[in-house]
Amino acid sequence: MRRFALILALWPGVLAAEGFQRLSGDEILSALVGKKLGYGDGIWQTFDGAMGTQYFSGRPSAGRWAVRNGQYCSVWPPSDLWACYDVLQSGDVIRFVDESGGATDGTYAE
């Protein structure tokens, strides 16, 4: 149990060491509204101010997004289940971290 607590205590330091800073709810909005992120291999996602999001990975997919409790959350029809992620930033890189610690990085694109 102590080891787990130590890992949790050190986790923010690891993120900071990589240059990533966790974003607050308002910072998430500023970082995403009106922006496009590229994920490599022609995959990208846009975020609009009406809280719509478009994801393209060979074909387009439309979803909704929101900021809830300081996290980015999204839902992709036909599912009605929202998934939420911590959001971190280092320069032009936005990192989404799921509840299990898995991370996806996107880079601002034009």
PDB file of N, CA and C in Angstrom:
ATOM      1  N   MET A   1       0.823  -1.190   0.000  1.00  0.00           N
ATOM      2  CA  MET A   1       0.000   0.000   0.000  1.00  0.00           C
ATOM      3  C   MET A   1       0.870   1.259   0.000  1.00  0.00           C
ATOM      4  N   ARG A   2       1.955   1.241   0.763  1.00  0.00           N
ATOM      5  CA  ARG A   2       2.842   2.404   0.787  1.00  0.00           C
ATOM      6  C   ARG A   2       3.454   2.659  -0.586  1.00  0.00           C
ATOM      7  N   ARG A   3       3.791   1.577  -1.273  1.00  0.00           N
ATOM      8  CA  ARG A   3       4.386   1.727  -2.603  1.00  0.00           C
ATOM      9  C   ARG A   3       3.399   2.423  -3.540  1.00  0.00           C
ATOM     10  N   PHE A   4       2.119   2.012  -3.475  1.00  0.00           N
ATOM     11  CA  PHE A   4       1.093   2.625  -4.309  1.00  0.00           C
ATOM     12  C   PHE A   4       0.962   4.108  -3.975  1.00  0.00           C
ATOM     13  N   ALA A   5       0.948   4.441  -2.692  1.00  0.00           N
ATOM     14  CA  ALA A   5       0.844   5.841  -2.273  1.00  0.00           C
ATOM     15  C   ALA A   5       2.048   6.639  -2.768  1.00  0.00           C
ATOM     16  N   LEU A   6       3.230   6.043  -2.725  1.00  0.00           N
ATOM     17  CA  LEU A   6       4.433   6.715  -3.200  1.00  0.00           C
ATOM     18  C   LEU A   6       4.349   6.970  -4.702  1.00  0.00           C
ATOM     19  N   ILE A   7       3.863   5.990  -5.434  1.00  0.00           N
ATOM     20  CA  ILE A   7       3.710   6.159  -6.884  1.00  0.00           C
ATOM     21  C   ILE A   7       2.759   7.312  -7.174  1.00  0.00           C
ATOM     22  N   LEU A   8       1.633   7.352  -6.459  1.00  0.00           N
ATOM     23  CA  LEU A   8       0.682   8.441  -6.667  1.00  0.00           C
ATOM     24  C   LEU A   8       1.291   9.786  -6.303  1.00  0.00           C
ATOM     25  N   ALA A   9       2.074   9.811  -5.242  1.00  0.00           N
ATOM     26  CA  ALA A   9       2.704  11.062  -4.818  1.00  0.00           C
ATOM     27  C   ALA A   9       3.719  11.546  -5.848  1.00  0.00           C
ATOM     28  N   LEU A  10       4.409  10.631  -6.500  1.00  0.00           N
ATOM     29  CA  LEU A  10       5.440  11.001  -7.465  1.00  0.00           C
ATOM     30  C   LEU A  10       4.891  11.269  -8.857  1.00  0.00           C
ATOM     31  N   TRP A  11       3.695  10.771  -9.161  1.00  0.00           N
ATOM     32  CA  TRP A  11       3.130  10.887 -10.505  1.00  0.00           C
ATOM     33  C   TRP A  11       3.134  12.323 -11.032  1.00  0.00           C
ATOM     34  N   PRO A  12       2.644  13.330 -10.266  1.00  0.00           N
ATOM     35  CA  PRO A  12       2.690  14.697 -10.805  1.00  0.00           C
ATOM     36  C   PRO A  12       4.107  15.148 -11.128  1.00  0.00           C
ATOM     37  N   GLY A  13       5.078  14.710 -10.360  1.00  0.00           N
ATOM     38  CA  GLY A  13       6.468  15.069 -10.619  1.00  0.00           C
ATOM     39  C   GLY A  13       6.965  14.481 -11.920  1.00  0.00           C
ATOM     40  N   VAL A  14       6.532  13.274 -12.220  1.00  0.00           N
ATOM     41  CA  VAL A  14       6.919  12.642 -13.482  1.00  0.00           C
ATOM     42  C   VAL A  14       6.353  13.440 -14.643  1.00  0.00           C
ATOM     43  N   LEU A  15       5.086  13.829 -14.528  1.00  0.00           N
ATOM     44  CA  LEU A  15       4.470  14.613 -15.592  1.00  0.00           C
ATOM     45  C   LEU A  15       5.172  15.956 -15.750  1.00  0.00           C
ATOM     46  N   ALA A  16       5.476  16.606 -14.639  1.00  0.00           N
ATOM     47  CA  ALA A  16       6.149  17.899 -14.697  1.00  0.00           C
ATOM     48  C   ALA A  16       7.533  17.752 -15.310  1.00  0.00           C
ATOM     49  N   ALA A  17       8.200  16.641 -14.995  1.00  0.00           N
ATOM     50  CA  ALA A  17       9.540  16.422 -15.532  1.00  0.00           C
ATOM     51  C   ALA A  17       9.510  16.319 -17.053  1.00  0.00           C
ATOM     52  N   GLU A  18       8.420  15.828 -17.596  1.00  0.00           N
ATOM     53  CA  GLU A  18       8.277  15.729 -19.047  1.00  0.00           C
ATOM     54  C   GLU A  18       7.868  17.068 -19.651  1.00  0.00           C
ATOM     55  N   GLY A  19       7.616  18.066 -18.818  1.00  0.00           N
ATOM     56  CA  GLY A  19       7.190  19.367 -19.306  1.00  0.00           C
ATOM     57  C   GLY A  19       5.692  19.512 -19.443  1.00  0.00           C
ATOM     58  N   PHE A  20       4.927  18.526 -19.034  1.00  0.00           N
ATOM     59  CA  PHE A  20       3.473  18.593 -19.123  1.00  0.00           C
ATOM     60  C   PHE A  20       2.894  19.208 -17.858  1.00  0.00           C
ATOM     61  N   GLN A  21       1.901  20.080 -18.055  1.00  0.00           N
ATOM     62  CA  GLN A  21       1.180  20.693 -16.949  1.00  0.00           C
ATOM     63  C   GLN A  21      -0.289  20.323 -17.077  1.00  0.00           C
ATOM     64  N   ARG A  22      -0.888  19.914 -15.961  1.00  0.00           N
ATOM     65  CA  ARG A  22      -2.311  19.580 -15.972  1.00  0.00           C
ATOM     66  C   ARG A  22      -3.123  20.857 -16.150  1.00  0.00           C
ATOM     67  N   LEU A  23      -4.146  20.796 -16.992  1.00  0.00           N
ATOM     68  CA  LEU A  23      -4.988  21.948 -17.271  1.00  0.00           C
ATOM     69  C   LEU A  23      -6.236  21.940 -16.405  1.00  0.00           C
ATOM     70  N   SER A  24      -6.670  23.129 -15.999  1.00  0.00           N
ATOM     71  CA  SER A  24      -7.931  23.299 -15.278  1.00  0.00           C
ATOM     72  C   SER A  24      -9.067  23.291 -16.306  1.00  0.00           C
ATOM     73  N   GLY A  25     -10.295  23.332 -15.818  1.00  0.00           N
ATOM     74  CA  GLY A  25     -11.437  23.348 -16.724  1.00  0.00           C
ATOM     75  C   GLY A  25     -11.399  24.497 -17.714  1.00  0.00           C
ATOM     76  N   ASP A  26     -11.153  25.718 -17.223  1.00  0.00           N
ATOM     77  CA  ASP A  26     -11.078  26.877 -18.111  1.00  0.00           C
ATOM     78  C   ASP A  26      -9.911  26.756 -19.083  1.00  0.00           C
ATOM     79  N   GLU A  27      -8.801  26.214 -18.614  1.00  0.00           N
ATOM     80  CA  GLU A  27      -7.642  26.030 -19.492  1.00  0.00           C
ATOM     81  C   GLU A  27      -7.919  24.991 -20.575  1.00  0.00           C
ATOM     82  N   ILE A  28      -8.702  23.957 -20.234  1.00  0.00           N
ATOM     83  CA  ILE A  28      -9.085  22.954 -21.239  1.00  0.00           C
ATOM     84  C   ILE A  28      -9.904  23.622 -22.340  1.00  0.00           C
ATOM     85  N   LEU A  29     -10.866  24.443 -21.940  1.00  0.00           N
ATOM     86  CA  LEU A  29     -11.671  25.158 -22.936  1.00  0.00           C
ATOM     87  C   LEU A  29     -10.788  26.015 -23.834  1.00  0.00           C
ATOM     88  N   SER A  30      -9.885  26.772 -23.244  1.00  0.00           N
ATOM     89  CA  SER A  30      -8.987  27.630 -24.028  1.00  0.00           C
ATOM     90  C   SER A  30      -8.097  26.819 -24.962  1.00  0.00           C
ATOM     91  N   ALA A  31      -7.669  25.658 -24.492  1.00  0.00           N
ATOM     92  CA  ALA A  31      -6.759  24.820 -25.279  1.00  0.00           C
ATOM     93  C   ALA A  31      -7.456  24.131 -26.445  1.00  0.00           C
ATOM     94  N   LEU A  32      -8.779  23.898 -26.338  1.00  0.00           N
ATOM     95  CA  LEU A  32      -9.458  23.085 -27.345  1.00  0.00           C
ATOM     96  C   LEU A  32     -10.443  23.821 -28.251  1.00  0.00           C
ATOM     97  N   VAL A  33     -11.186  24.796 -27.733  1.00  0.00           N
ATOM     98  CA  VAL A  33     -12.226  25.440 -28.545  1.00  0.00           C
ATOM     99  C   VAL A  33     -11.614  26.072 -29.795  1.00  0.00           C
ATOM    100  N   GLY A  34     -12.164  25.677 -30.943  1.00  0.00           N
ATOM    101  CA  GLY A  34     -11.716  26.209 -32.222  1.00  0.00           C
ATOM    102  C   GLY A  34     -10.400  25.628 -32.719  1.00  0.00           C
ATOM    103  N   LYS A  35      -9.941  24.570 -32.078  1.00  0.00           N
ATOM    104  CA  LYS A  35      -8.637  23.994 -32.422  1.00  0.00           C
ATOM    105  C   LYS A  35      -8.787  22.649 -33.133  1.00  0.00           C
ATOM    106  N   LYS A  36      -7.696  22.271 -33.790  1.00  0.00           N
ATOM    107  CA  LYS A  36      -7.583  20.971 -34.454  1.00  0.00           C
ATOM    108  C   LYS A  36      -6.329  20.298 -33.929  1.00  0.00           C
ATOM    109  N   LEU A  37      -6.465  19.044 -33.522  1.00  0.00           N
ATOM    110  CA  LEU A  37      -5.324  18.254 -33.069  1.00  0.00           C
ATOM    111  C   LEU A  37      -5.050  17.146 -34.070  1.00  0.00           C
ATOM    112  N   GLY A  38      -3.792  16.945 -34.378  1.00  0.00           N
ATOM    113  CA  GLY A  38      -3.377  15.830 -35.214  1.00  0.00           C
ATOM    114  C   GLY A  38      -2.768  14.746 -34.346  1.00  0.00           C
ATOM    115  N   TYR A  39      -3.112  13.497 -34.655  1.00  0.00           N
ATOM    116  CA  TYR A  39      -2.622  12.353 -33.882  1.00  0.00           C
ATOM    117  C   TYR A  39      -1.656  11.485 -34.686  1.00  0.00           C
ATOM    118  N   GLY A  40      -1.280  11.937 -35.876  1.00  0.00           N
ATOM    119  CA  GLY A  40      -0.390  11.153 -36.732  1.00  0.00           C
ATOM    120  C   GLY A  40      -1.174  10.277 -37.689  1.00  0.00           C
ATOM    121  N   ASP A  41      -0.534   9.853 -38.760  1.00  0.00           N
ATOM    122  CA  ASP A  41      -1.135   8.953 -39.752  1.00  0.00           C
ATOM    123  C   ASP A  41      -2.438   9.485 -40.334  1.00  0.00           C
ATOM    124  N   GLY A  42      -2.560  10.811 -40.478  1.00  0.00           N
ATOM    125  CA  GLY A  42      -3.758  11.398 -41.067  1.00  0.00           C
ATOM    126  C   GLY A  42      -4.963  11.428 -40.150  1.00  0.00           C
ATOM    127  N   ILE A  43      -4.782  11.139 -38.882  1.00  0.00           N
ATOM    128  CA  ILE A  43      -5.876  11.142 -37.901  1.00  0.00           C
ATOM    129  C   ILE A  43      -5.907  12.514 -37.233  1.00  0.00           C
ATOM    130  N   TRP A  44      -7.102  13.113 -37.146  1.00  0.00           N
ATOM    131  CA  TRP A  44      -7.226  14.419 -36.521  1.00  0.00           C
ATOM    132  C   TRP A  44      -8.580  14.577 -35.850  1.00  0.00           C
ATOM    133  N   GLN A  45      -8.681  15.630 -35.028  1.00  0.00           N
ATOM    134  CA  GLN A  45      -9.914  15.914 -34.303  1.00  0.00           C
ATOM    135  C   GLN A  45     -10.059  17.418 -34.147  1.00  0.00           C
ATOM    136  N   THR A  46     -11.293  17.921 -34.305  1.00  0.00           N
ATOM    137  CA  THR A  46     -11.587  19.333 -34.087  1.00  0.00           C
ATOM    138  C   THR A  46     -12.562  19.470 -32.921  1.00  0.00           C
ATOM    139  N   PHE A  47     -12.551  20.653 -32.316  1.00  0.00           N
ATOM    140  CA  PHE A  47     -13.382  20.942 -31.148  1.00  0.00           C
ATOM    141  C   PHE A  47     -14.012  22.310 -31.360  1.00  0.00           C
ATOM    142  N   ASP A  48     -15.352  22.377 -31.418  1.00  0.00           N
ATOM    143  CA  ASP A  48     -15.975  23.679 -31.634  1.00  0.00           C
ATOM    144  C   ASP A  48     -16.592  24.222 -30.350  1.00  0.00           C
ATOM    145  N   GLY A  49     -16.911  25.513 -30.388  1.00  0.00           N
ATOM    146  CA  GLY A  49     -17.452  26.189 -29.219  1.00  0.00           C
ATOM    147  C   GLY A  49     -18.857  25.765 -28.855  1.00  0.00           C
ATOM    148  N   ALA A  50     -19.569  25.119 -29.785  1.00  0.00           N
ATOM    149  CA  ALA A  50     -20.908  24.593 -29.505  1.00  0.00           C
ATOM    150  C   ALA A  50     -20.815  23.205 -28.879  1.00  0.00           C
ATOM    151  N   MET A  51     -19.586  22.801 -28.534  1.00  0.00           N
ATOM    152  CA  MET A  51     -19.287  21.532 -27.872  1.00  0.00           C
ATOM    153  C   MET A  51     -19.484  20.321 -28.778  1.00  0.00           C
ATOM    154  N   GLY A  52     -19.296  20.531 -30.063  1.00  0.00           N
ATOM    155  CA  GLY A  52     -19.257  19.429 -31.015  1.00  0.00           C
ATOM    156  C   GLY A  52     -17.806  19.082 -31.301  1.00  0.00           C
ATOM    157  N   THR A  53     -17.548  17.832 -31.618  1.00  0.00           N
ATOM    158  CA  THR A  53     -16.199  17.411 -31.981  1.00  0.00           C
ATOM    159  C   THR A  53     -16.280  16.491 -33.188  1.00  0.00           C
ATOM    160  N   GLN A  54     -15.341  16.653 -34.094  1.00  0.00           N
ATOM    161  CA  GLN A  54     -15.239  15.809 -35.277  1.00  0.00           C
ATOM    162  C   GLN A  54     -13.927  15.046 -35.191  1.00  0.00           C
ATOM    163  N   TYR A  55     -13.998  13.743 -35.406  1.00  0.00           N
ATOM    164  CA  TYR A  55     -12.805  12.895 -35.374  1.00  0.00           C
ATOM    165  C   TYR A  55     -12.704  12.222 -36.733  1.00  0.00           C
ATOM    166  N   PHE A  56     -11.521  12.263 -37.328  1.00  0.00           N
ATOM    167  CA  PHE A  56     -11.330  11.657 -38.639  1.00  0.00           C
ATOM    168  C   PHE A  56     -10.199  10.651 -38.578  1.00  0.00           C
ATOM    169  N   SER A  57     -10.541   9.410 -38.886  1.00  0.00           N
ATOM    170  CA  SER A  57      -9.559   8.323 -38.963  1.00  0.00           C
ATOM    171  C   SER A  57      -9.969   7.434 -40.132  1.00  0.00           C
ATOM    172  N   GLY A  58      -9.794   7.965 -41.345  1.00  0.00           N
ATOM    173  CA  GLY A  58     -10.243   7.247 -42.527  1.00  0.00           C
ATOM    174  C   GLY A  58     -11.659   7.613 -42.909  1.00  0.00           C
ATOM    175  N   ARG A  59     -12.476   7.919 -41.931  1.00  0.00           N
ATOM    176  CA  ARG A  59     -13.834   8.410 -42.160  1.00  0.00           C
ATOM    177  C   ARG A  59     -14.218   9.287 -40.976  1.00  0.00           C
ATOM    178  N   PRO A  60     -15.106  10.259 -41.185  1.00  0.00           N
ATOM    179  CA  PRO A  60     -15.454  11.182 -40.102  1.00  0.00           C
ATOM    180  C   PRO A  60     -16.406  10.565 -39.086  1.00  0.00           C
ATOM    181  N   SER A  61     -16.296  11.040 -37.867  1.00  0.00           N
ATOM    182  CA  SER A  61     -17.187  10.651 -36.782  1.00  0.00           C
ATOM    183  C   SER A  61     -17.500  11.906 -35.975  1.00  0.00           C
ATOM    184  N   ALA A  62     -18.779  12.132 -35.696  1.00  0.00           N
ATOM    185  CA  ALA A  62     -19.195  13.323 -34.956  1.00  0.00           C
ATOM    186  C   ALA A  62     -19.584  12.947 -33.536  1.00  0.00           C
ATOM    187  N   GLY A  63     -19.114  13.730 -32.591  1.00  0.00           N
ATOM    188  CA  GLY A  63     -19.437  13.500 -31.187  1.00  0.00           C
ATOM    189  C   GLY A  63     -19.694  14.812 -30.476  1.00  0.00           C
ATOM    190  N   ARG A  64     -19.849  14.722 -29.167  1.00  0.00           N
ATOM    191  CA  ARG A  64     -20.050  15.893 -28.311  1.00  0.00           C
ATOM    192  C   ARG A  64     -18.959  15.882 -27.259  1.00  0.00           C
ATOM    193  N   TRP A  65     -18.631  17.058 -26.741  1.00  0.00           N
ATOM    194  CA  TRP A  65     -17.641  17.125 -25.684  1.00  0.00           C
ATOM    195  C   TRP A  65     -18.057  18.164 -24.651  1.00  0.00           C
ATOM    196  N   ALA A  66     -17.477  18.039 -23.469  1.00  0.00           N
ATOM    197  CA  ALA A  66     -17.771  18.953 -22.369  1.00  0.00           C
ATOM    198  C   ALA A  66     -16.589  18.941 -21.412  1.00  0.00           C
ATOM    199  N   VAL A  67     -16.552  19.932 -20.554  1.00  0.00           N
ATOM    200  CA  VAL A  67     -15.594  19.932 -19.449  1.00  0.00           C
ATOM    201  C   VAL A  67     -16.406  19.700 -18.184  1.00  0.00           C
ATOM    202  N   ARG A  68     -16.058  18.637 -17.476  1.00  0.00           N
ATOM    203  CA  ARG A  68     -16.763  18.263 -16.246  1.00  0.00           C
ATOM    204  C   ARG A  68     -15.743  17.967 -15.156  1.00  0.00           C
ATOM    205  N   ASN A  69     -15.900  18.628 -14.034  1.00  0.00           N
ATOM    206  CA  ASN A  69     -15.010  18.397 -12.892  1.00  0.00           C
ATOM    207  C   ASN A  69     -13.535  18.475 -13.278  1.00  0.00           C
ATOM    208  N   GLY A  70     -13.197  19.450 -14.118  1.00  0.00           N
ATOM    209  CA  GLY A  70     -11.810  19.656 -14.505  1.00  0.00           C
ATOM    210  C   GLY A  70     -11.254  18.629 -15.467  1.00  0.00           C
ATOM    211  N   GLN A  71     -12.147  17.904 -16.160  1.00  0.00           N
ATOM    212  CA  GLN A  71     -11.714  16.911 -17.139  1.00  0.00           C
ATOM    213  C   GLN A  71     -12.415  17.149 -18.475  1.00  0.00           C
ATOM    214  N   TYR A  72     -11.748  16.731 -19.562  1.00  0.00           N
ATOM    215  CA  TYR A  72     -12.364  16.689 -20.885  1.00  0.00           C
ATOM    216  C   TYR A  72     -13.195  15.417 -20.941  1.00  0.00           C
ATOM    217  N   CYS A  73     -14.459  15.548 -21.344  1.00  0.00           N
ATOM    218  CA  CYS A  73     -15.341  14.388 -21.465  1.00  0.00           C
ATOM    219  C   CYS A  73     -15.933  14.379 -22.876  1.00  0.00           C
ATOM    220  N   SER A  74     -16.138  13.186 -23.423  1.00  0.00           N
ATOM    221  CA  SER A  74     -16.710  13.079 -24.764  1.00  0.00           C
ATOM    222  C   SER A  74     -17.661  11.897 -24.843  1.00  0.00           C
ATOM    223  N   VAL A  75     -18.593  12.015 -25.785  1.00  0.00           N
ATOM    224  CA  VAL A  75     -19.550  10.948 -26.065  1.00  0.00           C
ATOM    225  C   VAL A  75     -19.643  10.825 -27.581  1.00  0.00           C
ATOM    226  N   TRP A  76     -19.695   9.581 -28.050  1.00  0.00           N
ATOM    227  CA  TRP A  76     -19.697   9.310 -29.486  1.00  0.00           C
ATOM    228  C   TRP A  76     -20.901   8.436 -29.827  1.00  0.00           C
ATOM    229  N   PRO A  77     -21.974   9.046 -30.427  1.00  0.00           N
ATOM    230  CA  PRO A  77     -23.144   8.259 -30.812  1.00  0.00           C
ATOM    231  C   PRO A  77     -22.746   7.106 -31.723  1.00  0.00           C
ATOM    232  N   PRO A  78     -23.456   6.002 -31.653  1.00  0.00           N
ATOM    233  CA  PRO A  78     -24.741   5.848 -30.980  1.00  0.00           C
ATOM    234  C   PRO A  78     -24.629   5.616 -29.471  1.00  0.00           C
ATOM    235  N   SER A  79     -23.447   5.508 -28.921  1.00  0.00           N
ATOM    236  CA  SER A  79     -23.301   5.332 -27.476  1.00  0.00           C
ATOM    237  C   SER A  79     -23.758   6.595 -26.752  1.00  0.00           C
ATOM    238  N   ASP A  80     -24.281   6.417 -25.550  1.00  0.00           N
ATOM    239  CA  ASP A  80     -24.621   7.573 -24.724  1.00  0.00           C
ATOM    240  C   ASP A  80     -23.751   7.608 -23.464  1.00  0.00           C
ATOM    241  N   LEU A  81     -22.650   6.859 -23.486  1.00  0.00           N
ATOM    242  CA  LEU A  81     -21.737   6.808 -22.349  1.00  0.00           C
ATOM    243  C   LEU A  81     -20.619   7.834 -22.529  1.00  0.00           C
ATOM    244  N   TRP A  82     -20.463   8.706 -21.549  1.00  0.00           N
ATOM    245  CA  TRP A  82     -19.415   9.709 -21.568  1.00  0.00           C
ATOM    246  C   TRP A  82     -18.136   9.119 -20.996  1.00  0.00           C
ATOM    247  N   ALA A  83     -17.015   9.417 -21.626  1.00  0.00           N
ATOM    248  CA  ALA A  83     -15.689   9.041 -21.117  1.00  0.00           C
ATOM    249  C   ALA A  83     -14.951  10.336 -20.795  1.00  0.00           C
ATOM    250  N   CYS A  84     -14.274  10.366 -19.647  1.00  0.00           N
ATOM    251  CA  CYS A  84     -13.595  11.586 -19.212  1.00  0.00           C
ATOM    252  C   CYS A  84     -12.097  11.356 -19.060  1.00  0.00           C
ATOM    253  N   TYR A  85     -11.336  12.417 -19.317  1.00  0.00           N
ATOM    254  CA  TYR A  85      -9.876  12.345 -19.341  1.00  0.00           C
ATOM    255  C   TYR A  85      -9.273  13.574 -18.669  1.00  0.00           C
ATOM    256  N   ASP A  86      -8.175  13.374 -17.961  1.00  0.00           N
ATOM    257  CA  ASP A  86      -7.365  14.503 -17.529  1.00  0.00           C
ATOM    258  C   ASP A  86      -6.693  15.059 -18.774  1.00  0.00           C
ATOM    259  N   VAL A  87      -6.457  16.358 -18.788  1.00  0.00           N
ATOM    260  CA  VAL A  87      -5.813  16.991 -19.936  1.00  0.00           C
ATOM    261  C   VAL A  87      -4.553  17.703 -19.457  1.00  0.00           C
ATOM    262  N   LEU A  88      -3.452  17.417 -20.143  1.00  0.00           N
ATOM    263  CA  LEU A  88      -2.171  18.043 -19.839  1.00  0.00           C
ATOM    264  C   LEU A  88      -1.637  18.681 -21.111  1.00  0.00           C
ATOM    265  N   GLN A  89      -0.761  19.661 -20.939  1.00  0.00           N
ATOM    266  CA  GLN A  89      -0.200  20.337 -22.104  1.00  0.00           C
ATOM    267  C   GLN A  89       1.285  20.582 -21.917  1.00  0.00           C
ATOM    268  N   SER A  90       2.013  20.406 -23.011  1.00  0.00           N
ATOM    269  CA  SER A  90       3.424  20.769 -23.091  1.00  0.00           C
ATOM    270  C   SER A  90       3.632  21.411 -24.454  1.00  0.00           C
ATOM    271  N   GLY A  91       3.731  22.731 -24.493  1.00  0.00           N
ATOM    272  CA  GLY A  91       3.865  23.432 -25.768  1.00  0.00           C
ATOM    273  C   GLY A  91       2.667  23.178 -26.658  1.00  0.00           C
ATOM    274  N   ASP A  92       2.906  22.659 -27.855  1.00  0.00           N
ATOM    275  CA  ASP A  92       1.837  22.384 -28.818  1.00  0.00           C
ATOM    276  C   ASP A  92       1.236  20.993 -28.671  1.00  0.00           C
ATOM    277  N   VAL A  93       1.630  20.262 -27.643  1.00  0.00           N
ATOM    278  CA  VAL A  93       1.135  18.895 -27.443  1.00  0.00           C
ATOM    279  C   VAL A  93       0.093  18.881 -26.333  1.00  0.00           C
ATOM    280  N   ILE A  94      -1.066  18.300 -26.646  1.00  0.00           N
ATOM    281  CA  ILE A  94      -2.138  18.093 -25.679  1.00  0.00           C
ATOM    282  C   ILE A  94      -2.192  16.601 -25.391  1.00  0.00           C
ATOM    283  N   ARG A  95      -2.168  16.250 -24.120  1.00  0.00           N
ATOM    284  CA  ARG A  95      -2.200  14.839 -23.710  1.00  0.00           C
ATOM    285  C   ARG A  95      -3.503  14.567 -22.966  1.00  0.00           C
ATOM    286  N   PHE A  96      -4.220  13.528 -23.416  1.00  0.00           N
ATOM    287  CA  PHE A  96      -5.433  13.058 -22.755  1.00  0.00           C
ATOM    288  C   PHE A  96      -5.067  11.793 -21.986  1.00  0.00           C
ATOM    289  N   VAL A  97      -5.375  11.762 -20.694  1.00  0.00           N
ATOM    290  CA  VAL A  97      -5.019  10.620 -19.853  1.00  0.00           C
ATOM    291  C   VAL A  97      -6.301  10.013 -19.297  1.00  0.00           C
ATOM    292  N   ASP A  98      -6.528   8.718 -19.599  1.00  0.00           N
ATOM    293  CA  ASP A  98      -7.741   8.053 -19.125  1.00  0.00           C
ATOM    294  C   ASP A  98      -7.574   7.591 -17.682  1.00  0.00           C
ATOM    295  N   GLU A  99      -8.646   7.033 -17.126  1.00  0.00           N
ATOM    296  CA  GLU A  99      -8.638   6.655 -15.709  1.00  0.00           C
ATOM    297  C   GLU A  99      -7.643   5.553 -15.379  1.00  0.00           C
ATOM    298  N   SER A 100      -7.208   4.795 -16.367  1.00  0.00           N
ATOM    299  CA  SER A 100      -6.222   3.742 -16.108  1.00  0.00           C
ATOM    300  C   SER A 100      -4.791   4.230 -16.342  1.00  0.00           C
ATOM    301  N   GLY A 101      -4.638   5.507 -16.731  1.00  0.00           N
ATOM    302  CA  GLY A 101      -3.306   6.063 -16.953  1.00  0.00           C
ATOM    303  C   GLY A 101      -2.844   6.027 -18.394  1.00  0.00           C
ATOM    304  N   GLY A 102      -3.663   5.455 -19.289  1.00  0.00           N
ATOM    305  CA  GLY A 102      -3.308   5.433 -20.706  1.00  0.00           C
ATOM    306  C   GLY A 102      -3.354   6.838 -21.286  1.00  0.00           C
ATOM    307  N   ALA A 103      -2.369   7.185 -22.091  1.00  0.00           N
ATOM    308  CA  ALA A 103      -2.271   8.543 -22.621  1.00  0.00           C
ATOM    309  C   ALA A 103      -2.325   8.558 -24.143  1.00  0.00           C
ATOM    310  N   THR A 104      -2.985   9.592 -24.674  1.00  0.00           N
ATOM    311  CA  THR A 104      -3.023   9.858 -26.105  1.00  0.00           C
ATOM    312  C   THR A 104      -2.577  11.295 -26.312  1.00  0.00           C
ATOM    313  N   ASP A 105      -1.588  11.493 -27.177  1.00  0.00           N
ATOM    314  CA  ASP A 105      -1.063  12.827 -27.453  1.00  0.00           C
ATOM    315  C   ASP A 105      -1.539  13.325 -28.805  1.00  0.00           C
ATOM    316  N   GLY A 106      -1.977  14.575 -28.825  1.00  0.00           N
ATOM    317  CA  GLY A 106      -2.319  15.254 -30.061  1.00  0.00           C
ATOM    318  C   GLY A 106      -1.505  16.532 -30.164  1.00  0.00           C
ATOM    319  N   THR A 107      -1.200  16.936 -31.382  1.00  0.00           N
ATOM    320  CA  THR A 107      -0.423  18.150 -31.617  1.00  0.00           C
ATOM    321  C   THR A 107      -1.272  19.126 -32.414  1.00  0.00           C
ATOM    322  N   TYR A 108      -1.226  20.399 -32.029  1.00  0.00           N
ATOM    323  CA  TYR A 108      -1.987  21.398 -32.773  1.00  0.00           C
ATOM    324  C   TYR A 108      -1.650  21.319 -34.252  1.00  0.00           C
ATOM    325  N   ALA A 109      -2.705  21.331 -35.069  1.00  0.00           N
ATOM    326  CA  ALA A 109      -2.560  21.226 -36.521  1.00  0.00           C
ATOM    327  C   ALA A 109      -3.350  22.356 -37.166  1.00  0.00           C
ATOM    328  N   GLU A 110      -3.110  22.556 -38.456  1.00  0.00           N
ATOM    329  CA  GLU A 110      -3.833  23.604 -39.190  1.00  0.00           C
ATOM    330  C   GLU A 110      -4.897  23.001 -40.042  1.00  0.00           C
TER     331      GLU A 110
END
